[in-house]
Protein backbone atom coordinates (compact mmCIF):
# COMPACT_ATOMS: atom_id res chain seq x y z
CA MET A 1 22.37 40.92 -44.35
CA LYS A 2 23.76 39.38 -47.63
CA HIS A 3 27.17 38.10 -47.27
CA ARG A 4 29.80 38.35 -50.00
CA VAL A 5 31.67 35.07 -49.34
CA LEU A 6 35.04 34.07 -50.89
CA SER A 7 35.29 30.27 -50.61
CA LEU A 8 38.59 29.39 -49.35
CA ALA A 9 37.79 25.57 -49.19
CA LEU A 10 35.76 23.69 -51.77
CA ALA A 11 32.97 21.40 -50.32
CA GLY A 12 34.52 18.36 -48.65
CA LEU A 13 37.99 19.67 -47.72
CA VAL A 14 40.70 17.18 -48.60
CA ILE A 15 41.36 15.13 -45.40
CA LEU A 16 45.02 15.02 -44.51
CA ALA A 17 46.33 11.61 -44.80
CA THR A 18 48.26 11.59 -41.47
CA VAL A 19 48.51 13.93 -38.50
CA ALA A 20 52.22 14.40 -39.23
CA SER A 21 51.43 16.22 -42.49
CA ALA A 22 48.85 18.43 -40.66
CA PHE A 23 51.61 19.27 -38.06
CA ALA A 24 54.00 20.37 -40.91
CA GLN A 25 51.43 22.74 -42.36
CA VAL A 26 50.44 24.29 -39.11
CA ALA A 27 53.98 24.64 -37.87
CA VAL A 28 54.70 27.07 -40.90
CA THR A 29 51.58 29.25 -40.53
CA SER A 30 51.32 29.61 -36.69
CA ASN A 31 54.86 30.18 -35.60
CA GLY A 32 55.39 26.66 -34.62
CA ARG A 33 52.82 26.78 -31.71
CA VAL A 34 50.03 24.63 -32.92
CA ASP A 35 52.17 21.67 -33.81
CA GLN A 36 52.12 20.94 -29.99
CA ILE A 37 48.60 19.34 -30.44
CA VAL A 38 48.55 16.58 -27.78
CA GLY A 39 47.20 13.10 -27.67
CA LEU A 40 47.93 12.00 -31.26
CA SER A 41 50.63 9.71 -32.75
CA GLN A 42 52.21 11.61 -35.68
CA THR A 43 51.74 8.42 -37.73
CA GLU A 44 48.15 7.77 -36.79
CA ALA A 45 45.80 7.82 -39.77
CA VAL A 46 42.86 10.26 -39.66
CA PRO A 47 39.55 8.49 -39.85
CA ALA A 48 37.69 8.65 -43.16
CA VAL A 49 34.68 10.75 -43.39
CA ALA A 50 31.66 8.68 -42.36
CA SER A 51 28.33 8.85 -43.89
CA GLY A 52 26.09 11.52 -42.23
CA THR A 53 28.94 13.52 -41.05
CA PHE A 54 30.72 16.55 -42.49
CA VAL A 55 34.15 18.25 -42.77
CA PRO A 56 34.16 21.83 -41.98
CA GLN A 57 34.62 24.43 -44.66
CA VAL A 58 36.39 27.81 -44.33
CA LYS A 59 35.12 31.02 -46.04
CA ALA A 60 36.03 34.59 -46.04
CA VAL A 61 33.34 37.08 -45.90
CA ASP A 62 35.37 40.07 -47.12
CA PHE A 63 38.61 40.50 -49.03
CA THR A 64 40.49 41.76 -45.93
CA SER A 65 39.77 38.51 -44.03
CA ALA A 66 40.65 36.45 -46.93
CA SER A 67 44.37 36.83 -46.37
CA MET A 68 43.95 35.01 -43.02
CA GLY A 69 42.82 31.85 -45.00
CA THR A 70 46.36 30.80 -45.65
CA THR A 71 46.80 30.23 -41.99
CA LEU A 72 43.37 29.22 -40.85
CA VAL A 73 42.46 26.65 -43.65
CA PRO A 74 45.19 24.24 -42.60
CA TYR A 75 44.60 24.97 -39.00
CA VAL A 76 40.82 24.12 -39.29
CA GLN A 77 41.89 20.87 -41.26
CA ASP A 78 44.13 20.09 -38.21
CA LEU A 79 41.18 20.68 -35.69
CA ASP A 80 39.11 18.30 -37.89
CA ALA A 81 41.77 15.74 -37.85
CA TYR A 82 42.30 16.01 -34.11
CA PHE A 83 38.68 15.70 -33.14
CA ALA A 84 38.01 12.87 -35.59
CA THR A 85 40.97 10.95 -34.28
CA ARG A 86 40.73 11.60 -30.64
CA PHE A 87 37.00 11.54 -30.20
CA GLY A 88 35.85 9.71 -33.27
CA TRP A 89 33.56 12.64 -34.01
CA ARG A 90 32.75 14.90 -36.96
CA PRO A 91 29.72 17.33 -37.20
CA SER A 92 26.57 15.74 -38.09
CA LYS A 93 25.42 18.87 -39.78
CA PRO A 94 27.24 21.06 -42.39
CA ALA A 95 29.74 23.22 -40.41
CA THR A 96 31.39 26.43 -41.77
CA VAL A 97 34.14 28.61 -40.36
CA LEU A 98 33.43 32.26 -41.45
CA LEU A 99 36.15 34.88 -41.41
CA TYR A 100 35.28 38.48 -40.89
CA SER A 101 37.57 41.52 -40.88
CA THR A 102 35.93 43.39 -37.98
CA SER A 103 33.80 42.75 -34.96
CA SER A 104 30.93 44.86 -36.27
CA ASN A 105 30.76 42.74 -39.44
CA LEU A 106 30.80 39.62 -37.26
CA ALA A 107 28.04 41.00 -35.12
CA GLY A 108 26.04 41.56 -38.37
CA GLY A 109 26.54 37.99 -39.09
CA LEU A 110 25.36 36.74 -35.76
CA GLN A 111 22.16 38.71 -36.23
CA SER A 112 21.65 37.47 -39.68
CA PHE A 113 22.14 33.84 -39.10
CA THR A 114 20.03 33.76 -36.14
CA GLY A 115 17.08 35.69 -37.56
CA GLY A 116 17.80 38.61 -35.14
CA THR A 117 16.89 36.61 -32.09
CA LEU A 118 20.00 37.47 -30.12
CA SER A 119 19.57 39.88 -27.35
CA ALA A 120 22.11 42.70 -26.73
CA SER A 121 23.62 40.62 -23.76
CA GLN A 122 23.88 37.58 -26.01
CA GLN A 123 25.57 39.40 -28.68
CA ALA A 124 28.05 40.99 -26.16
CA ARG A 125 28.88 37.55 -24.83
CA ALA A 126 29.43 36.24 -28.30
CA LEU A 127 31.70 39.01 -29.13
CA SER A 128 33.65 38.78 -25.91
CA GLU A 129 36.12 36.40 -27.82
CA PRO A 130 37.40 36.40 -31.37
CA ALA A 131 35.26 33.39 -32.36
CA ALA A 132 31.56 32.64 -31.72
CA LEU A 133 29.61 29.45 -32.40
CA VAL A 134 26.06 29.77 -33.79
CA MET A 135 23.26 27.43 -34.90
CA VAL A 136 22.24 28.80 -38.20
CA THR A 137 18.48 29.23 -38.32
CA GLN A 138 18.36 31.45 -41.28
CA GLY A 139 20.76 30.57 -44.16
CA ASP A 140 21.76 32.80 -47.00
CA GLY A 141 22.40 30.35 -49.82
CA LEU A 142 26.11 30.05 -48.81
CA VAL A 143 25.62 28.95 -45.29
CA PRO A 144 22.84 26.49 -45.20
CA THR A 145 19.84 26.65 -42.58
CA ASN A 146 20.09 24.27 -39.94
CA SER A 147 23.84 24.06 -39.90
CA PHE A 148 26.55 25.18 -37.53
CA ALA A 149 28.82 28.30 -38.11
CA ILE A 150 31.79 29.57 -36.22
CA LEU A 151 32.36 33.28 -36.83
CA VAL A 152 35.91 34.48 -36.49
CA ASN A 153 36.99 38.00 -36.14
CA THR A 154 40.37 38.03 -37.79
CA ASP A 155 41.30 41.68 -36.86
CA THR A 156 44.81 41.06 -35.42
CA ASP A 157 45.01 44.56 -33.91
CA ALA A 158 41.79 43.92 -31.79
CA ALA A 159 43.01 40.44 -30.87
CA SER A 160 46.36 41.79 -29.76
CA GLN A 161 44.59 44.31 -27.57
CA GLN A 162 42.25 41.69 -26.21
CA PHE A 163 45.17 39.51 -25.33
CA ALA A 164 46.63 42.33 -23.33
CA ILE A 165 43.42 43.07 -21.52
CA LEU A 166 42.96 39.42 -20.63
CA SER A 167 46.57 39.35 -19.22
CA GLY A 168 46.02 42.41 -17.21
CA GLN A 169 42.61 41.08 -15.99
CA ILE A 170 43.82 37.83 -14.84
CA ASN A 171 47.04 39.29 -13.25
CA ALA A 172 44.96 41.90 -11.30
CA ILE A 173 42.58 39.03 -9.94
CA ASN A 174 45.56 36.91 -8.98
CA ALA A 175 47.19 39.99 -7.32
CA SER A 176 44.15 40.26 -5.10
CA LEU A 177 44.33 36.61 -3.83
CA VAL A 178 47.06 37.25 -1.42
CA PRO A 179 46.84 38.11 2.19
CA GLY A 180 46.10 41.90 2.85
CA ALA A 181 45.39 42.78 -0.86
CA THR A 182 42.67 45.21 -1.46
CA SER A 183 39.74 44.41 -3.92
CA SER A 184 39.97 47.67 -5.82
CA SER A 185 41.71 46.04 -8.79
CA VAL A 186 39.60 42.83 -9.04
CA GLY A 187 38.11 42.62 -12.47
CA SER A 188 40.00 45.58 -13.62
CA SER A 189 40.27 46.06 -17.41
CA SER A 190 43.83 47.18 -16.93
CA SER A 191 46.08 45.67 -19.57
CA VAL A 192 49.74 44.70 -20.29
CA ASN A 193 51.52 47.67 -21.96
CA THR A 194 51.62 46.68 -25.58
CA GLY A 195 54.02 49.55 -26.24
CA GLU A 196 56.71 47.30 -24.74
CA LEU A 197 56.07 44.55 -27.38
CA SER A 198 57.44 44.33 -30.84
CA GLN A 199 55.10 44.17 -33.78
CA SER A 200 55.86 40.47 -34.37
CA GLN A 201 55.08 39.76 -30.65
CA MET A 202 51.78 41.50 -30.81
CA PHE A 203 50.85 39.55 -33.96
CA ASN A 204 51.85 36.33 -32.43
CA ASN A 205 49.72 37.16 -29.37
CA ALA A 206 46.94 37.94 -31.67
CA MET A 207 47.10 34.77 -33.69
CA LEU A 208 47.46 32.73 -30.43
CA LEU A 209 44.17 34.25 -29.14
CA ILE A 210 42.36 33.78 -32.36
CA GLN A 211 43.36 30.19 -32.81
CA GLU A 212 42.69 29.35 -29.11
CA SER A 213 39.19 30.94 -29.51
CA LEU A 214 38.53 28.89 -32.63
CA ALA A 215 39.65 25.71 -30.97
CA LYS A 216 37.27 26.50 -28.08
CA GLN A 217 34.37 27.00 -30.35
CA TYR A 218 35.15 23.85 -32.33
CA ALA A 219 34.94 21.92 -29.02
CA ASN A 220 31.71 23.77 -28.21
CA LEU A 221 30.48 22.56 -31.51
CA MET A 222 31.23 18.84 -30.57
CA MET A 223 29.39 19.35 -27.24
CA THR A 224 26.43 21.11 -28.96
CA ASP A 225 26.21 18.48 -31.52
CA LEU A 226 26.23 15.49 -29.25
CA GLY A 227 24.70 16.99 -25.98
CA GLY A 228 22.61 19.83 -27.16
CA ASN A 229 21.79 22.17 -24.52
CA ASN A 230 22.07 19.55 -21.86
CA VAL A 231 25.78 19.89 -21.17
CA PRO A 232 26.39 21.66 -17.84
CA GLY A 233 27.91 25.02 -18.24
CA TRP A 234 31.10 24.21 -16.09
CA LEU A 235 31.68 21.11 -18.17
CA ARG A 236 31.25 22.91 -21.40
CA GLN A 237 33.60 25.68 -20.40
CA GLY A 238 36.12 23.33 -18.80
CA VAL A 239 36.44 20.98 -21.71
CA SER A 240 36.63 23.75 -24.29
CA ASP A 241 39.36 25.37 -22.25
CA SER A 242 41.26 22.28 -21.60
CA LEU A 243 41.32 21.24 -25.40
CA ALA A 244 41.98 24.69 -26.54
CA PHE A 245 44.91 25.23 -24.08
CA GLY A 246 46.32 22.00 -25.07
CA ILE A 247 46.25 22.77 -28.80
CA VAL A 248 47.32 26.41 -28.51
CA PRO A 249 49.55 26.82 -25.41
CA GLY A 250 50.80 30.22 -24.17
CA THR A 251 47.64 32.34 -23.82
CA PRO A 252 46.97 34.28 -20.68
CA LEU A 253 44.09 32.21 -19.27
CA GLU A 254 45.85 28.77 -19.09
CA SER A 255 48.34 29.45 -16.48
CA GLY A 256 46.30 32.44 -15.04
CA LEU A 257 43.23 30.34 -14.22
CA ALA A 258 45.37 27.47 -12.70
CA GLU A 259 47.12 30.08 -10.57
CA SER A 260 43.66 31.60 -9.47
CA VAL A 261 42.85 28.07 -8.13
CA ALA A 262 46.21 27.80 -6.25
CA ARG A 263 46.11 31.14 -4.69
CA SER A 264 42.53 30.70 -3.62
CA GLN A 265 43.32 27.34 -2.07
CA SER A 266 46.47 28.56 -0.27
CA ASN A 267 45.52 32.08 0.78
CA VAL A 268 41.61 32.04 1.07
CA GLY A 269 41.69 28.45 2.28
CA MET A 270 38.57 27.30 0.47
CA LEU A 271 37.69 26.33 -3.20
CA PRO A 272 34.26 25.80 -4.51
CA THR A 273 33.49 22.04 -5.05
CA LEU A 274 32.29 20.75 -8.42
CA SER A 275 29.01 19.86 -6.74
CA GLN A 276 28.59 23.55 -5.73
CA ILE A 277 29.63 24.73 -9.28
CA ASN A 278 27.23 22.08 -10.86
CA ALA A 279 24.42 23.12 -8.71
CA GLY A 280 24.85 26.90 -8.57
CA GLY A 281 25.27 28.00 -12.19
CA PHE A 282 28.52 29.03 -13.93
CA PRO A 283 29.60 32.67 -14.30
CA THR A 284 32.70 32.61 -16.63
CA LEU A 285 35.57 35.14 -16.14
CA LEU A 286 34.87 36.60 -19.62
CA SER A 287 31.25 37.17 -19.05
CA THR A 288 31.30 38.51 -15.48
CA GLY A 289 34.97 39.04 -14.48
CA GLY A 290 35.97 39.09 -10.84
CA THR A 291 37.76 36.60 -8.43
CA SER A 292 34.87 34.07 -8.01
CA ALA A 293 34.45 33.64 -11.79
CA ALA A 294 38.13 33.18 -12.27
CA VAL A 295 38.53 30.55 -9.53
CA GLY A 296 35.03 28.79 -10.75
CA GLU A 297 36.50 28.71 -14.40
CA GLY A 298 39.87 27.52 -13.10
CA VAL A 299 38.30 24.60 -11.10
CA SER A 300 36.22 23.65 -14.08
CA PHE A 301 39.25 23.77 -16.44
CA LEU A 302 41.40 21.57 -14.17
CA SER A 303 38.61 19.10 -13.45
CA ALA A 304 37.82 18.77 -17.28
CA ARG A 305 41.56 18.32 -17.95
CA SER A 306 41.88 15.61 -15.40
CA LEU A 307 38.75 13.95 -16.81
CA LEU A 308 40.01 14.23 -20.41
CA ASP A 309 43.45 12.90 -19.17
CA SER A 310 41.88 9.85 -17.43
CA VAL A 311 39.16 8.55 -20.00
CA SER A 312 39.08 7.69 -23.64
CA GLY A 313 37.64 10.02 -26.43
CA THR A 314 34.85 7.49 -26.81
CA GLN A 315 33.98 7.69 -23.15
CA ILE A 316 33.68 11.42 -23.49
CA THR A 317 31.47 11.19 -26.55
CA SER A 318 29.26 8.65 -24.62
CA LEU A 319 28.95 11.06 -21.75
CA LEU A 320 27.79 13.86 -24.22
CA SER A 321 25.63 11.66 -26.27
CA GLY A 322 23.90 10.40 -23.21
CA LEU A 323 23.20 14.03 -22.20
CA GLY A 324 21.87 14.75 -25.66
CA ALA A 325 19.43 11.90 -25.10
CA GLY A 326 18.08 13.51 -21.86
CA GLN A 327 20.12 11.34 -19.38
CA ASN A 328 20.75 12.72 -15.93
CA PHE A 329 24.19 14.30 -15.77
CA GLU A 330 25.49 12.77 -12.62
CA SER A 331 24.33 9.28 -13.59
CA GLN A 332 25.56 9.61 -17.12
CA LEU A 333 29.04 10.87 -15.77
CA GLN A 334 29.32 7.63 -13.61
CA SER A 335 28.18 5.14 -16.23
CA SER A 336 30.25 6.65 -19.03
CA THR A 337 33.51 7.54 -17.29
CA GLY A 338 33.56 5.76 -13.85
CA PHE A 339 33.73 9.26 -12.18
CA ASN A 340 31.26 10.99 -10.02
CA LEU A 341 31.52 14.82 -8.96
CA ASN A 342 33.14 13.93 -5.61
CA SER A 343 35.77 11.66 -7.11
CA LEU A 344 36.51 14.08 -9.87
CA ASN A 345 36.80 16.88 -7.41
CA THR A 346 39.41 14.89 -5.57
CA GLN A 347 41.43 13.93 -8.63
CA TYR A 348 41.79 17.20 -10.23
CA GLN A 349 43.53 18.78 -7.14
CA SER A 350 46.64 16.88 -8.13
CA LEU A 351 46.72 19.42 -11.09
CA ILE A 352 46.81 22.47 -8.77
CA PRO A 353 50.10 24.20 -9.13
CA LEU A 354 52.10 25.26 -6.23
CA PRO A 355 51.37 28.93 -5.35
């Protein structure tokens, strides 16, 4: 598949001098939501681009998606500034954010950049959110081989509907986590009635979900760049959830996942431990649906948030780099952060909301 790409950012985006200027741009283009990025001083200088690291570019693959560039170019600049300042990290390979106007166009990009190696289930998983991260094994002259690409579906109608479906799904799951509830609605694809929302509310919901998904995949990019395939699934999901929810508050999963944990603890009386989740694999809510996935992802999210709140950014990158070098996860967690699975399992429970 040949891509017709409209460049929205020249090679080497201009780095914003301060985080404060980044906030000012994003507040204008995202209805004032992304200016709530946490953990940064508004006067803290963004680190210069170090040798051997890259600043992400943003490119539109078709004319329809190009209109989203006015919003997403400054947003990606903010993500770059945030990760460089908090974690001291920028990608070690070229990274491109590609904007598509439809999910079918995005699916074509997935197949093209991975050389057609994705199975149907892998494609379905990648398309379950507005953004997907791929390692480009087959470049096309515009996106280089052996680079990172985050593919973004900018279809706001589809994102608005997906926002409603996620709201309905997590609400149905949480409704089932009360005494005497039936399981018939668990994992339901029922959604919030979008007919009750104004066009501006629907558009705002769509942008929240697109920006949250892009933030998750940028966090995944950091974890893949540093830790390769050795980052446990629960930690990968938990860290990406926690960072994205902090950057883009107000999407269905942030409060919904925490509520799943609270209701499970209160009404079922038992939560999976981190050791169990770490040993038993990690089905996410988006990939499998259902109560156990929602509770598992909720525990992972709250555990990662507790970890991120307790240690420095360099301790997180030390953990990820150790995993990338092949170190044992539990040993590296202890040496990099001072936590083990049991102590982190105890600490995160202070973040469980009252049911």
